[in-house]
N, C-alpha and C. Protein backbone atom coordinates (compact mmCIF):
# COMPACT_ATOMS: atom_id res chain seq x y z
N UNK A 1 5.34 -18.41 2.33
CA UNK A 1 3.91 -18.67 2.33
C UNK A 1 3.53 -19.48 1.10
N UNK A 2 4.06 -19.10 -0.05
CA UNK A 2 3.75 -19.85 -1.27
C UNK A 2 4.17 -21.31 -1.12
N UNK A 3 5.34 -21.54 -0.59
CA UNK A 3 5.84 -22.91 -0.40
C UNK A 3 4.96 -23.68 0.58
N UNK A 4 4.58 -23.04 1.69
CA UNK A 4 3.74 -23.70 2.69
C UNK A 4 2.36 -24.05 2.14
N UNK A 5 1.85 -23.24 1.21
CA UNK A 5 0.54 -23.50 0.62
C UNK A 5 0.62 -24.44 -0.59
N UNK A 6 1.83 -24.78 -1.00
CA UNK A 6 2.00 -25.66 -2.15
C UNK A 6 1.72 -24.95 -3.46
N UNK A 7 1.96 -23.63 -3.51
CA UNK A 7 1.72 -22.84 -4.71
C UNK A 7 3.03 -22.32 -5.27
N UNK A 8 3.08 -22.16 -6.57
CA UNK A 8 4.20 -21.46 -7.19
C UNK A 8 4.04 -19.98 -6.86
N UNK A 9 5.12 -19.26 -6.83
CA UNK A 9 5.08 -17.83 -6.50
C UNK A 9 4.18 -17.07 -7.46
N UNK A 10 4.23 -17.40 -8.74
CA UNK A 10 3.38 -16.71 -9.72
C UNK A 10 1.90 -16.98 -9.46
N UNK A 11 1.56 -18.18 -9.00
CA UNK A 11 0.16 -18.50 -8.68
C UNK A 11 -0.30 -17.68 -7.49
N UNK A 12 0.56 -17.49 -6.52
CA UNK A 12 0.21 -16.68 -5.35
C UNK A 12 -0.03 -15.23 -5.77
N UNK A 13 0.78 -14.73 -6.67
CA UNK A 13 0.64 -13.36 -7.13
C UNK A 13 -0.65 -13.15 -7.91
N UNK A 14 -1.12 -14.17 -8.64
CA UNK A 14 -2.33 -14.07 -9.45
C UNK A 14 -3.61 -14.16 -8.63
N UNK A 15 -3.54 -14.76 -7.47
CA UNK A 15 -4.73 -14.91 -6.61
C UNK A 15 -4.88 -13.70 -5.71
N UNK A 16 -6.10 -13.45 -5.28
CA UNK A 16 -6.31 -12.43 -4.26
C UNK A 16 -5.99 -13.04 -2.90
N UNK A 17 -5.32 -12.32 -2.06
CA UNK A 17 -5.02 -12.84 -0.73
C UNK A 17 -5.12 -11.71 0.28
N UNK A 18 -5.36 -12.08 1.54
CA UNK A 18 -5.46 -11.12 2.63
C UNK A 18 -4.76 -11.70 3.84
N UNK A 19 -4.22 -10.84 4.65
CA UNK A 19 -3.67 -11.23 5.94
C UNK A 19 -4.61 -10.68 7.00
N UNK A 20 -4.99 -11.52 7.95
CA UNK A 20 -5.92 -11.10 8.99
C UNK A 20 -5.36 -11.47 10.35
N UNK A 21 -5.55 -10.59 11.32
CA UNK A 21 -5.15 -10.88 12.70
C UNK A 21 -6.38 -10.78 13.60
N UNK A 22 -6.26 -11.30 14.80
CA UNK A 22 -7.40 -11.34 15.72
C UNK A 22 -7.92 -9.95 16.06
N UNK A 23 -7.02 -8.99 16.22
CA UNK A 23 -7.46 -7.65 16.62
C UNK A 23 -7.54 -6.66 15.46
N UNK A 24 -7.33 -7.15 14.23
CA UNK A 24 -7.45 -6.28 13.06
C UNK A 24 -6.21 -5.46 12.74
N UNK A 25 -5.16 -5.58 13.55
CA UNK A 25 -3.92 -4.85 13.32
C UNK A 25 -3.05 -5.64 12.34
N UNK A 26 -2.47 -4.95 11.39
CA UNK A 26 -1.61 -5.61 10.40
C UNK A 26 -0.17 -5.65 10.91
N UNK A 27 0.16 -6.70 11.65
CA UNK A 27 1.52 -6.88 12.15
C UNK A 27 2.44 -7.45 11.09
N UNK A 28 1.86 -8.11 10.08
CA UNK A 28 2.65 -8.79 9.07
C UNK A 28 2.25 -8.33 7.67
N UNK A 29 3.16 -8.55 6.73
CA UNK A 29 2.86 -8.30 5.32
C UNK A 29 3.52 -9.41 4.51
N UNK A 30 3.08 -9.55 3.29
CA UNK A 30 3.61 -10.59 2.41
C UNK A 30 4.40 -9.92 1.30
N UNK A 31 5.66 -10.31 1.16
CA UNK A 31 6.49 -9.79 0.07
C UNK A 31 6.14 -10.57 -1.19
N UNK A 32 5.55 -9.89 -2.14
CA UNK A 32 5.08 -10.56 -3.35
C UNK A 32 6.21 -11.09 -4.23
N UNK A 33 7.38 -10.48 -4.19
CA UNK A 33 8.49 -10.95 -5.02
C UNK A 33 9.10 -12.24 -4.52
N UNK A 34 9.02 -12.46 -3.19
CA UNK A 34 9.65 -13.64 -2.60
C UNK A 34 8.66 -14.63 -2.00
N UNK A 35 7.46 -14.16 -1.65
CA UNK A 35 6.49 -15.01 -0.97
C UNK A 35 6.74 -15.13 0.52
N UNK A 36 7.64 -14.31 1.05
CA UNK A 36 7.97 -14.36 2.48
C UNK A 36 6.99 -13.53 3.31
N UNK A 37 6.66 -14.05 4.48
CA UNK A 37 5.86 -13.34 5.46
C UNK A 37 6.83 -12.57 6.35
N UNK A 38 6.66 -11.25 6.45
CA UNK A 38 7.56 -10.42 7.23
C UNK A 38 6.76 -9.51 8.14
N UNK A 39 7.41 -8.95 9.15
CA UNK A 39 6.72 -7.98 9.99
C UNK A 39 6.50 -6.70 9.20
N UNK A 40 5.31 -6.15 9.33
CA UNK A 40 4.94 -4.95 8.58
C UNK A 40 5.64 -3.72 9.13
N UNK A 41 5.89 -3.72 10.42
CA UNK A 41 6.57 -2.61 11.06
C UNK A 41 7.23 -3.11 12.35
N UNK A 42 8.01 -2.29 12.94
CA UNK A 42 8.69 -2.67 14.19
C UNK A 42 7.63 -2.95 15.26
N UNK A 43 7.79 -4.08 15.96
CA UNK A 43 6.84 -4.44 17.02
C UNK A 43 7.53 -4.40 18.37
N UNK A 44 6.80 -4.03 19.38
CA UNK A 44 7.31 -3.91 20.74
C UNK A 44 6.64 -4.97 21.60
N UNK A 45 7.38 -6.01 21.95
CA UNK A 45 6.83 -7.12 22.72
C UNK A 45 6.26 -6.65 24.06
N UNK A 46 6.93 -5.75 24.74
CA UNK A 46 6.45 -5.28 26.03
C UNK A 46 5.12 -4.54 25.90
N UNK A 47 4.92 -3.85 24.81
CA UNK A 47 3.67 -3.14 24.59
C UNK A 47 2.55 -4.11 24.19
N UNK A 48 2.86 -5.08 23.35
CA UNK A 48 1.85 -6.01 22.87
C UNK A 48 1.43 -7.04 23.92
N UNK A 49 2.39 -7.52 24.69
CA UNK A 49 2.13 -8.63 25.62
C UNK A 49 2.71 -8.33 27.00
N UNK A 50 2.43 -7.17 27.52
CA UNK A 50 3.09 -6.75 28.76
C UNK A 50 2.82 -7.65 29.95
N UNK A 51 1.64 -8.24 30.05
CA UNK A 51 1.33 -9.06 31.22
C UNK A 51 1.29 -10.56 30.91
N UNK A 52 1.82 -10.95 29.76
CA UNK A 52 1.79 -12.34 29.35
C UNK A 52 3.22 -12.86 29.19
N UNK A 53 3.49 -14.04 29.76
CA UNK A 53 4.84 -14.60 29.67
C UNK A 53 5.17 -15.05 28.25
N UNK A 54 4.22 -15.70 27.59
CA UNK A 54 4.42 -16.20 26.23
C UNK A 54 3.65 -15.30 25.27
N UNK A 55 4.36 -14.60 24.41
CA UNK A 55 3.75 -13.65 23.49
C UNK A 55 3.54 -14.31 22.13
N UNK A 56 2.29 -14.40 21.67
CA UNK A 56 1.97 -15.03 20.40
C UNK A 56 1.09 -14.08 19.59
N UNK A 57 1.50 -13.82 18.35
CA UNK A 57 0.69 -13.03 17.43
C UNK A 57 0.19 -13.98 16.36
N UNK A 58 -1.11 -14.14 16.28
CA UNK A 58 -1.70 -15.05 15.30
C UNK A 58 -2.08 -14.27 14.05
N UNK A 59 -1.90 -14.93 12.93
CA UNK A 59 -2.19 -14.30 11.64
C UNK A 59 -2.78 -15.37 10.72
N UNK A 60 -3.81 -15.00 9.98
CA UNK A 60 -4.39 -15.90 9.00
C UNK A 60 -4.08 -15.39 7.61
N UNK A 61 -3.70 -16.31 6.74
CA UNK A 61 -3.49 -15.99 5.33
C UNK A 61 -4.70 -16.52 4.59
N UNK A 62 -5.44 -15.62 3.96
CA UNK A 62 -6.64 -15.99 3.23
C UNK A 62 -6.35 -15.86 1.75
N UNK A 63 -6.45 -16.97 1.02
CA UNK A 63 -6.16 -16.99 -0.41
C UNK A 63 -7.46 -17.27 -1.15
N UNK A 64 -7.76 -16.43 -2.13
CA UNK A 64 -8.99 -16.60 -2.90
C UNK A 64 -8.81 -17.70 -3.94
N UNK A 65 -9.90 -18.33 -4.29
CA UNK A 65 -9.88 -19.38 -5.30
C UNK A 65 -9.75 -20.75 -4.67
N UNK A 66 -9.98 -21.75 -5.48
CA UNK A 66 -9.91 -23.13 -5.00
C UNK A 66 -8.46 -23.56 -4.80
N UNK A 67 -8.23 -24.39 -3.80
CA UNK A 67 -6.90 -24.90 -3.50
C UNK A 67 -6.81 -26.33 -3.97
């Protein structure tokens, strides 16, 4: 995430940030030591997208401060 935003890892750690999803469920988390976006817990595709052929989980990364 830090690399995609063009920030150094330390800059990402100093800013306030939030992860937001469409339904308010936290499917992802950000590892502060590495800047990697990872799944927050085990996800079940059949449960999340049982009637949809293409399963997509959208997530927004909100970083405080000017970019």
